[in-house]
């Protein structure tokens, strides 16, 4: 019974996502302008000074947190998300 409910929820999620993409033509925001905005931030400039953190940030742009446009928007606009990201990168480089 629980498995059936889980499958129904997953199916509903896929149907809603397909409806948004194909019928409503909703698209994700473009990531390149967000990355440009991110690179103008002072805290970001301080992070990429160190080669090790710069390498992790480049990896995150390719396959990590910075690949998601919604997350990039959050770390630009919200201090709490920003501090969490900075802590995440510093933990990865230690």
C-alpha atoms as a PDB file:
ATOM      1  CA  UNK A   1       0.000   0.000   0.000  1.00  0.00           C
ATOM      2  CA  UNK A   2       2.787   2.390   0.935  1.00  0.00           C
ATOM      3  CA  UNK A   3       4.693   1.512  -2.213  1.00  0.00           C
ATOM      4  CA  UNK A   4       1.604   2.216  -4.311  1.00  0.00           C
ATOM      5  CA  UNK A   5       1.241   5.635  -2.684  1.00  0.00           C
ATOM      6  CA  UNK A   6       4.906   6.423  -3.345  1.00  0.00           C
ATOM      7  CA  UNK A   7       4.568   5.413  -6.997  1.00  0.00           C
ATOM      8  CA  UNK A   8       1.462   7.587  -7.348  1.00  0.00           C
ATOM      9  CA  UNK A   9       3.302  10.596  -5.922  1.00  0.00           C
ATOM     10  CA  UNK A  10       6.283  10.069  -8.220  1.00  0.00           C
ATOM     11  CA  UNK A  11       3.999   9.690 -11.232  1.00  0.00           C
ATOM     12  CA  UNK A  12       2.143  12.876 -10.322  1.00  0.00           C
ATOM     13  CA  UNK A  13       5.456  14.718 -10.045  1.00  0.00           C
ATOM     14  CA  UNK A  14       6.574  13.549 -13.479  1.00  0.00           C
ATOM     15  CA  UNK A  15       3.225  14.510 -15.007  1.00  0.00           C
ATOM     16  CA  UNK A  16       3.339  17.986 -13.449  1.00  0.00           C
ATOM     17  CA  UNK A  17       6.919  18.527 -14.609  1.00  0.00           C
ATOM     18  CA  UNK A  18       6.085  17.405 -18.152  1.00  0.00           C
ATOM     19  CA  UNK A  19       3.018  19.667 -18.171  1.00  0.00           C
ATOM     20  CA  UNK A  20       5.084  22.655 -17.082  1.00  0.00           C
ATOM     21  CA  UNK A  21       7.814  22.038 -19.640  1.00  0.00           C
ATOM     22  CA  UNK A  22       5.746  21.132 -22.680  1.00  0.00           C
ATOM     23  CA  UNK A  23       2.355  22.766 -22.244  1.00  0.00           C
ATOM     24  CA  UNK A  24       3.164  25.894 -20.247  1.00  0.00           C
ATOM     25  CA  UNK A  25       6.642  26.204 -21.817  1.00  0.00           C
ATOM     26  CA  UNK A  26       8.171  27.063 -18.434  1.00  0.00           C
ATOM     27  CA  UNK A  27      11.941  27.104 -18.594  1.00  0.00           C
ATOM     28  CA  UNK A  28      14.622  27.302 -15.961  1.00  0.00           C
ATOM     29  CA  UNK A  29      16.414  30.630 -15.688  1.00  0.00           C
ATOM     30  CA  UNK A  30      19.604  31.000 -17.696  1.00  0.00           C
ATOM     31  CA  UNK A  31      22.635  30.204 -15.557  1.00  0.00           C
ATOM     32  CA  UNK A  32      25.243  32.351 -17.364  1.00  0.00           C
ATOM     33  CA  UNK A  33      23.901  35.773 -16.257  1.00  0.00           C
ATOM     34  CA  UNK A  34      23.620  34.414 -12.724  1.00  0.00           C
ATOM     35  CA  UNK A  35      27.256  33.291 -12.798  1.00  0.00           C
ATOM     36  CA  UNK A  36      28.245  36.756 -14.068  1.00  0.00           C
ATOM     37  CA  UNK A  37      26.360  38.339 -11.188  1.00  0.00           C
ATOM     38  CA  UNK A  38      27.981  35.888  -8.769  1.00  0.00           C
ATOM     39  CA  UNK A  39      31.467  36.760 -10.009  1.00  0.00           C
ATOM     40  CA  UNK A  40      30.834  40.433  -9.199  1.00  0.00           C
ATOM     41  CA  UNK A  41      30.180  39.659  -5.526  1.00  0.00           C
ATOM     42  CA  UNK A  42      33.016  40.623  -3.134  1.00  0.00           C
ATOM     43  CA  UNK A  43      32.722  37.470  -1.037  1.00  0.00           C
ATOM     44  CA  UNK A  44      33.024  35.370  -4.200  1.00  0.00           C
ATOM     45  CA  UNK A  45      36.152  37.243  -5.271  1.00  0.00           C
ATOM     46  CA  UNK A  46      37.704  36.478  -1.884  1.00  0.00           C
ATOM     47  CA  UNK A  47      36.921  32.772  -2.299  1.00  0.00           C
ATOM     48  CA  UNK A  48      38.486  32.398  -5.727  1.00  0.00           C
ATOM     49  CA  UNK A  49      41.764  34.043  -4.705  1.00  0.00           C
ATOM     50  CA  UNK A  50      42.932  30.724  -3.306  1.00  0.00           C
ATOM     51  CA  UNK A  51      43.613  28.175  -6.074  1.00  0.00           C
ATOM     52  CA  UNK A  52      42.172  25.244  -4.115  1.00  0.00           C
ATOM     53  CA  UNK A  53      38.811  26.931  -3.508  1.00  0.00           C
ATOM     54  CA  UNK A  54      38.764  28.201  -7.094  1.00  0.00           C
ATOM     55  CA  UNK A  55      39.154  24.607  -8.292  1.00  0.00           C
ATOM     56  CA  UNK A  56      36.246  23.416  -6.126  1.00  0.00           C
ATOM     57  CA  UNK A  57      34.067  26.270  -7.327  1.00  0.00           C
ATOM     58  CA  UNK A  58      34.806  25.365 -10.955  1.00  0.00           C
ATOM     59  CA  UNK A  59      33.876  21.758 -10.217  1.00  0.00           C
ATOM     60  CA  UNK A  60      30.637  22.923  -8.586  1.00  0.00           C
ATOM     61  CA  UNK A  61      29.785  24.925 -11.702  1.00  0.00           C
ATOM     62  CA  UNK A  62      30.144  21.795 -13.807  1.00  0.00           C
ATOM     63  CA  UNK A  63      28.509  19.154 -11.597  1.00  0.00           C
ATOM     64  CA  UNK A  64      27.626  20.596  -8.212  1.00  0.00           C
ATOM     65  CA  UNK A  65      25.573  23.191  -6.407  1.00  0.00           C
ATOM     66  CA  UNK A  66      26.417  26.034  -8.776  1.00  0.00           C
ATOM     67  CA  UNK A  67      24.859  24.172 -11.688  1.00  0.00           C
ATOM     68  CA  UNK A  68      21.390  24.857 -10.282  1.00  0.00           C
ATOM     69  CA  UNK A  69      20.167  28.363 -11.241  1.00  0.00           C
ATOM     70  CA  UNK A  70      17.774  28.514  -8.303  1.00  0.00           C
ATOM     71  CA  UNK A  71      20.561  27.787  -5.820  1.00  0.00           C
ATOM     72  CA  UNK A  72      22.855  30.389  -7.411  1.00  0.00           C
ATOM     73  CA  UNK A  73      20.049  32.954  -7.111  1.00  0.00           C
ATOM     74  CA  UNK A  74      19.613  32.043  -3.446  1.00  0.00           C
ATOM     75  CA  UNK A  75      23.292  32.467  -2.569  1.00  0.00           C
ATOM     76  CA  UNK A  76      23.341  35.835  -4.322  1.00  0.00           C
ATOM     77  CA  UNK A  77      20.233  37.155  -2.570  1.00  0.00           C
ATOM     78  CA  UNK A  78      20.224  35.489   0.871  1.00  0.00           C
ATOM     79  CA  UNK A  79      23.003  35.784   3.442  1.00  0.00           C
ATOM     80  CA  UNK A  80      22.131  32.484   5.126  1.00  0.00           C
ATOM     81  CA  UNK A  81      22.496  30.477   1.929  1.00  0.00           C
ATOM     82  CA  UNK A  82      25.662  32.404   1.106  1.00  0.00           C
ATOM     83  CA  UNK A  83      27.270  31.601   4.457  1.00  0.00           C
ATOM     84  CA  UNK A  84      26.303  27.955   4.067  1.00  0.00           C
ATOM     85  CA  UNK A  85      27.919  27.816   0.637  1.00  0.00           C
ATOM     86  CA  UNK A  86      31.097  29.486   1.892  1.00  0.00           C
ATOM     87  CA  UNK A  87      31.281  26.999   4.772  1.00  0.00           C
ATOM     88  CA  UNK A  88      30.672  24.127   2.332  1.00  0.00           C
ATOM     89  CA  UNK A  89      33.538  25.233   0.058  1.00  0.00           C
ATOM     90  CA  UNK A  90      35.922  25.815   2.970  1.00  0.00           C
ATOM     91  CA  UNK A  91      35.125  22.366   4.381  1.00  0.00           C
ATOM     92  CA  UNK A  92      35.832  20.794   0.993  1.00  0.00           C
ATOM     93  CA  UNK A  93      39.243  22.455   0.736  1.00  0.00           C
ATOM     94  CA  UNK A  94      40.467  21.410   4.185  1.00  0.00           C
END
